[in-house]
């Protein structure tokens, strides 16, 4: 699937944020903060999927 520059930018931003949360979760393993970060990362993955799906539906270059 060919995507536009905006799609790639949005995806990169979400993946960067998810990476930070997962790294925080690993650093603080066994603490409540780690569990919270892991849950936030999972919900951010869902938001990324929803945002990218919406983008593909609206973008003439991607959809």
PDB file of N, CA and C in Angstrom:
ATOM      1  N   UNK A   1       0.841  -1.172   0.000  1.00  0.00           N
ATOM      2  CA  UNK A   1       0.000   0.000   0.000  1.00  0.00           C
ATOM      3  C   UNK A   1       0.890   1.240   0.000  1.00  0.00           C
ATOM      4  N   UNK A   2       0.645   2.131  -0.921  1.00  0.00           N
ATOM      5  CA  UNK A   2       1.404   3.369  -1.007  1.00  0.00           C
ATOM      6  C   UNK A   2       0.743   4.408  -0.112  1.00  0.00           C
ATOM      7  N   UNK A   3       1.552   5.076   0.682  1.00  0.00           N
ATOM      8  CA  UNK A   3       1.027   6.081   1.608  1.00  0.00           C
ATOM      9  C   UNK A   3       1.709   7.423   1.368  1.00  0.00           C
ATOM     10  N   UNK A   4       1.071   8.466   1.850  1.00  0.00           N
ATOM     11  CA  UNK A   4       1.606   9.812   1.682  1.00  0.00           C
ATOM     12  C   UNK A   4       2.554  10.171   2.834  1.00  0.00           C
ATOM     13  N   UNK A   5       3.166  11.319   2.696  1.00  0.00           N
ATOM     14  CA  UNK A   5       4.114  11.811   3.694  1.00  0.00           C
ATOM     15  C   UNK A   5       3.429  12.049   5.044  1.00  0.00           C
ATOM     16  N   UNK A   6       2.226  12.557   5.027  1.00  0.00           N
ATOM     17  CA  UNK A   6       1.507  12.839   6.279  1.00  0.00           C
ATOM     18  C   UNK A   6       1.234  11.546   7.052  1.00  0.00           C
ATOM     19  N   UNK A   7       0.851  10.491   6.341  1.00  0.00           N
ATOM     20  CA  UNK A   7       0.623   9.188   6.965  1.00  0.00           C
ATOM     21  C   UNK A   7       1.889   8.723   7.675  1.00  0.00           C
ATOM     22  N   UNK A   8       3.013   8.806   6.974  1.00  0.00           N
ATOM     23  CA  UNK A   8       4.288   8.378   7.546  1.00  0.00           C
ATOM     24  C   UNK A   8       4.663   9.217   8.764  1.00  0.00           C
ATOM     25  N   UNK A   9       4.381  10.502   8.703  1.00  0.00           N
ATOM     26  CA  UNK A   9       4.693  11.395   9.823  1.00  0.00           C
ATOM     27  C   UNK A   9       3.853  11.053  11.043  1.00  0.00           C
ATOM     28  N   UNK A  10       2.558  10.875  10.850  1.00  0.00           N
ATOM     29  CA  UNK A  10       1.665  10.542  11.965  1.00  0.00           C
ATOM     30  C   UNK A  10       2.080   9.209  12.582  1.00  0.00           C
ATOM     31  N   UNK A  11       2.360   8.242  11.733  1.00  0.00           N
ATOM     32  CA  UNK A  11       2.759   6.926  12.225  1.00  0.00           C
ATOM     33  C   UNK A  11       4.063   7.003  13.017  1.00  0.00           C
ATOM     34  N   UNK A  12       5.026   7.745  12.521  1.00  0.00           N
ATOM     35  CA  UNK A  12       6.313   7.882  13.205  1.00  0.00           C
ATOM     36  C   UNK A  12       6.157   8.535  14.573  1.00  0.00           C
ATOM     37  N   UNK A  13       5.290   9.546  14.668  1.00  0.00           N
ATOM     38  CA  UNK A  13       5.064  10.215  15.949  1.00  0.00           C
ATOM     39  C   UNK A  13       4.449   9.265  16.968  1.00  0.00           C
ATOM     40  N   UNK A  14       3.450   8.513  16.540  1.00  0.00           N
ATOM     41  CA  UNK A  14       2.820   7.547  17.445  1.00  0.00           C
ATOM     42  C   UNK A  14       3.807   6.471  17.861  1.00  0.00           C
ATOM     43  N   UNK A  15       4.583   5.940  16.924  1.00  0.00           N
ATOM     44  CA  UNK A  15       5.539   4.884  17.252  1.00  0.00           C
ATOM     45  C   UNK A  15       6.620   5.389  18.207  1.00  0.00           C
ATOM     46  N   UNK A  16       7.013   6.634  18.048  1.00  0.00           N
ATOM     47  CA  UNK A  16       8.001   7.231  18.950  1.00  0.00           C
ATOM     48  C   UNK A  16       7.437   7.311  20.365  1.00  0.00           C
ATOM     49  N   UNK A  17       6.197   7.779  20.479  1.00  0.00           N
ATOM     50  CA  UNK A  17       5.545   7.897  21.778  1.00  0.00           C
ATOM     51  C   UNK A  17       5.381   6.517  22.432  1.00  0.00           C
ATOM     52  N   UNK A  18       4.978   5.531  21.650  1.00  0.00           N
ATOM     53  CA  UNK A  18       4.815   4.172  22.170  1.00  0.00           C
ATOM     54  C   UNK A  18       6.156   3.626  22.642  1.00  0.00           C
ATOM     55  N   UNK A  19       7.198   3.898  21.884  1.00  0.00           N
ATOM     56  CA  UNK A  19       8.539   3.460  22.273  1.00  0.00           C
ATOM     57  C   UNK A  19       8.979   4.046  23.606  1.00  0.00           C
ATOM     58  N   UNK A  20       8.686   5.327  23.827  1.00  0.00           N
ATOM     59  CA  UNK A  20       9.029   5.965  25.101  1.00  0.00           C
ATOM     60  C   UNK A  20       8.290   5.294  26.254  1.00  0.00           C
ATOM     61  N   UNK A  21       7.010   5.013  26.053  1.00  0.00           N
ATOM     62  CA  UNK A  21       6.209   4.393  27.114  1.00  0.00           C
ATOM     63  C   UNK A  21       6.696   2.985  27.428  1.00  0.00           C
ATOM     64  N   UNK A  22       7.011   2.218  26.396  1.00  0.00           N
ATOM     65  CA  UNK A  22       7.492   0.858  26.625  1.00  0.00           C
ATOM     66  C   UNK A  22       8.870   0.863  27.291  1.00  0.00           C
ATOM     67  N   UNK A  23       9.712   1.809  26.926  1.00  0.00           N
ATOM     68  CA  UNK A  23      11.034   1.916  27.558  1.00  0.00           C
ATOM     69  C   UNK A  23      10.890   2.283  29.035  1.00  0.00           C
ATOM     70  N   UNK A  24       9.976   3.182  29.327  1.00  0.00           N
ATOM     71  CA  UNK A  24       9.717   3.571  30.719  1.00  0.00           C
ATOM     72  C   UNK A  24       9.210   2.367  31.503  1.00  0.00           C
ATOM     73  N   UNK A  25       8.336   1.604  30.881  1.00  0.00           N
ATOM     74  CA  UNK A  25       7.785   0.413  31.522  1.00  0.00           C
ATOM     75  C   UNK A  25       8.888  -0.602  31.833  1.00  0.00           C
ATOM     76  N   UNK A  26       9.831  -0.752  30.922  1.00  0.00           N
ATOM     77  CA  UNK A  26      10.944  -1.684  31.148  1.00  0.00           C
ATOM     78  C   UNK A  26      11.881  -1.204  32.253  1.00  0.00           C
ATOM     79  N   UNK A  27      12.153   0.107  32.259  1.00  0.00           N
ATOM     80  CA  UNK A  27      13.052   0.658  33.268  1.00  0.00           C
ATOM     81  C   UNK A  27      12.497   0.506  34.677  1.00  0.00           C
ATOM     82  N   UNK A  28      11.187   0.627  34.816  1.00  0.00           N
ATOM     83  CA  UNK A  28      10.556   0.610  36.131  1.00  0.00           C
ATOM     84  C   UNK A  28       9.781  -0.681  36.357  1.00  0.00           C
ATOM     85  N   UNK A  29      10.296  -1.772  35.824  1.00  0.00           N
ATOM     86  CA  UNK A  29       9.632  -3.069  35.914  1.00  0.00           C
ATOM     87  C   UNK A  29       9.339  -3.431  37.376  1.00  0.00           C
ATOM     88  N   UNK A  30       8.130  -3.915  37.611  1.00  0.00           N
ATOM     89  CA  UNK A  30       7.740  -4.315  38.964  1.00  0.00           C
ATOM     90  C   UNK A  30       7.096  -3.210  39.771  1.00  0.00           C
ATOM     91  N   UNK A  31       7.018  -2.031  39.237  1.00  0.00           N
ATOM     92  CA  UNK A  31       6.407  -0.899  39.942  1.00  0.00           C
ATOM     93  C   UNK A  31       5.075  -0.542  39.285  1.00  0.00           C
ATOM     94  N   UNK A  32       4.223   0.137  40.027  1.00  0.00           N
ATOM     95  CA  UNK A  32       2.942   0.558  39.443  1.00  0.00           C
ATOM     96  C   UNK A  32       3.107   1.453  38.216  1.00  0.00           C
ATOM     97  N   UNK A  33       4.159   2.251  38.180  1.00  0.00           N
ATOM     98  CA  UNK A  33       4.394   3.147  37.040  1.00  0.00           C
ATOM     99  C   UNK A  33       4.633   2.348  35.758  1.00  0.00           C
ATOM    100  N   UNK A  34       5.268   1.194  35.892  1.00  0.00           N
ATOM    101  CA  UNK A  34       5.530   0.351  34.724  1.00  0.00           C
ATOM    102  C   UNK A  34       4.229  -0.191  34.159  1.00  0.00           C
ATOM    103  N   UNK A  35       3.357  -0.626  35.034  1.00  0.00           N
ATOM    104  CA  UNK A  35       2.070  -1.164  34.583  1.00  0.00           C
ATOM    105  C   UNK A  35       1.247  -0.076  33.906  1.00  0.00           C
ATOM    106  N   UNK A  36       1.284   1.105  34.460  1.00  0.00           N
ATOM    107  CA  UNK A  36       0.559   2.237  33.886  1.00  0.00           C
ATOM    108  C   UNK A  36       1.093   2.584  32.493  1.00  0.00           C
ATOM    109  N   UNK A  37       2.398   2.629  32.348  1.00  0.00           N
ATOM    110  CA  UNK A  37       3.001   2.938  31.049  1.00  0.00           C
ATOM    111  C   UNK A  37       2.673   1.878  30.012  1.00  0.00           C
ATOM    112  N   UNK A  38       2.663   0.625  30.423  1.00  0.00           N
ATOM    113  CA  UNK A  38       2.344  -0.455  29.498  1.00  0.00           C
ATOM    114  C   UNK A  38       0.892  -0.337  29.027  1.00  0.00           C
ATOM    115  N   UNK A  39      -0.002   0.001  29.934  1.00  0.00           N
ATOM    116  CA  UNK A  39      -1.410   0.183  29.566  1.00  0.00           C
ATOM    117  C   UNK A  39      -1.575   1.380  28.639  1.00  0.00           C
ATOM    118  N   UNK A  40      -0.851   2.460  28.933  1.00  0.00           N
ATOM    119  CA  UNK A  40      -0.916   3.643  28.072  1.00  0.00           C
ATOM    120  C   UNK A  40      -0.381   3.326  26.680  1.00  0.00           C
ATOM    121  N   UNK A  41       0.668   2.531  26.600  1.00  0.00           N
ATOM    122  CA  UNK A  41       1.232   2.149  25.302  1.00  0.00           C
ATOM    123  C   UNK A  41       0.210   1.350  24.496  1.00  0.00           C
ATOM    124  N   UNK A  42      -0.486   0.442  25.153  1.00  0.00           N
ATOM    125  CA  UNK A  42      -1.502  -0.359  24.464  1.00  0.00           C
ATOM    126  C   UNK A  42      -2.638   0.517  23.948  1.00  0.00           C
ATOM    127  N   UNK A  43      -3.079   1.474  24.764  1.00  0.00           N
ATOM    128  CA  UNK A  43      -4.173   2.347  24.314  1.00  0.00           C
ATOM    129  C   UNK A  43      -3.691   3.290  23.218  1.00  0.00           C
ATOM    130  N   UNK A  44      -2.422   3.682  23.257  1.00  0.00           N
ATOM    131  CA  UNK A  44      -1.872   4.543  22.216  1.00  0.00           C
ATOM    132  C   UNK A  44      -1.787   3.787  20.890  1.00  0.00           C
ATOM    133  N   UNK A  45      -1.492   2.492  20.948  1.00  0.00           N
ATOM    134  CA  UNK A  45      -1.486   1.682  19.723  1.00  0.00           C
ATOM    135  C   UNK A  45      -2.878   1.668  19.092  1.00  0.00           C
ATOM    136  N   UNK A  46      -3.898   1.564  19.918  1.00  0.00           N
ATOM    137  CA  UNK A  46      -5.268   1.578  19.408  1.00  0.00           C
ATOM    138  C   UNK A  46      -5.605   2.938  18.802  1.00  0.00           C
ATOM    139  N   UNK A  47      -5.185   4.015  19.474  1.00  0.00           N
ATOM    140  CA  UNK A  47      -5.422   5.360  18.932  1.00  0.00           C
ATOM    141  C   UNK A  47      -4.690   5.560  17.619  1.00  0.00           C
ATOM    142  N   UNK A  48      -3.473   5.023  17.514  1.00  0.00           N
ATOM    143  CA  UNK A  48      -2.716   5.132  16.267  1.00  0.00           C
ATOM    144  C   UNK A  48      -3.456   4.426  15.137  1.00  0.00           C
ATOM    145  N   UNK A  49      -3.940   3.221  15.409  1.00  0.00           N
ATOM    146  CA  UNK A  49      -4.662   2.475  14.386  1.00  0.00           C
ATOM    147  C   UNK A  49      -5.901   3.240  13.937  1.00  0.00           C
ATOM    148  N   UNK A  50      -6.625   3.816  14.891  1.00  0.00           N
ATOM    149  CA  UNK A  50      -7.828   4.576  14.554  1.00  0.00           C
ATOM    150  C   UNK A  50      -7.480   5.821  13.753  1.00  0.00           C
ATOM    151  N   UNK A  51      -6.426   6.528  14.149  1.00  0.00           N
ATOM    152  CA  UNK A  51      -6.028   7.754  13.454  1.00  0.00           C
ATOM    153  C   UNK A  51      -5.561   7.449  12.024  1.00  0.00           C
ATOM    154  N   UNK A  52      -4.785   6.390  11.862  1.00  0.00           N
ATOM    155  CA  UNK A  52      -4.290   6.045  10.530  1.00  0.00           C
ATOM    156  C   UNK A  52      -5.420   5.537   9.630  1.00  0.00           C
ATOM    157  N   UNK A  53      -6.342   4.797  10.212  1.00  0.00           N
ATOM    158  CA  UNK A  53      -7.481   4.313   9.447  1.00  0.00           C
ATOM    159  C   UNK A  53      -8.344   5.482   8.973  1.00  0.00           C
ATOM    160  N   UNK A  54      -8.562   6.452   9.834  1.00  0.00           N
ATOM    161  CA  UNK A  54      -9.316   7.649   9.472  1.00  0.00           C
ATOM    162  C   UNK A  54      -8.587   8.421   8.374  1.00  0.00           C
ATOM    163  N   UNK A  55      -7.276   8.524   8.505  1.00  0.00           N
ATOM    164  CA  UNK A  55      -6.476   9.234   7.506  1.00  0.00           C
ATOM    165  C   UNK A  55      -6.619   8.576   6.133  1.00  0.00           C
ATOM    166  N   UNK A  56      -6.496   7.267   6.095  1.00  0.00           N
ATOM    167  CA  UNK A  56      -6.587   6.556   4.815  1.00  0.00           C
ATOM    168  C   UNK A  56      -7.958   6.766   4.186  1.00  0.00           C
ATOM    169  N   UNK A  57      -8.985   6.819   5.039  1.00  0.00           N
ATOM    170  CA  UNK A  57     -10.334   7.035   4.526  1.00  0.00           C
ATOM    171  C   UNK A  57     -10.549   8.411   3.944  1.00  0.00           C
ATOM    172  N   UNK A  58      -9.804   9.396   4.399  1.00  0.00           N
ATOM    173  CA  UNK A  58     -10.000  10.782   3.954  1.00  0.00           C
ATOM    174  C   UNK A  58      -8.991  11.280   2.939  1.00  0.00           C
ATOM    175  N   UNK A  59      -7.815  10.665   2.928  1.00  0.00           N
ATOM    176  CA  UNK A  59      -6.720  11.161   2.074  1.00  0.00           C
ATOM    177  C   UNK A  59      -6.869  10.613   0.646  1.00  0.00           C
ATOM    178  N   UNK A  60      -6.890  11.505  -0.337  1.00  0.00           N
ATOM    179  CA  UNK A  60      -7.013  11.025  -1.720  1.00  0.00           C
ATOM    180  C   UNK A  60      -5.757  10.281  -2.206  1.00  0.00           C
ATOM    181  N   UNK A  61      -4.613  10.595  -1.628  1.00  0.00           N
ATOM    182  CA  UNK A  61      -3.376   9.949  -2.054  1.00  0.00           C
ATOM    183  C   UNK A  61      -3.236   8.534  -1.459  1.00  0.00           C
ATOM    184  N   UNK A  62      -3.679   8.361  -0.227  1.00  0.00           N
ATOM    185  CA  UNK A  62      -3.561   7.056   0.439  1.00  0.00           C
ATOM    186  C   UNK A  62      -4.730   6.134   0.095  1.00  0.00           C
ATOM    187  N   UNK A  63      -5.918   6.680   0.038  1.00  0.00           N
ATOM    188  CA  UNK A  63      -7.108   5.843  -0.147  1.00  0.00           C
ATOM    189  C   UNK A  63      -7.432   5.741  -1.559  1.00  0.00           C
TER     190      UNK A  63
END
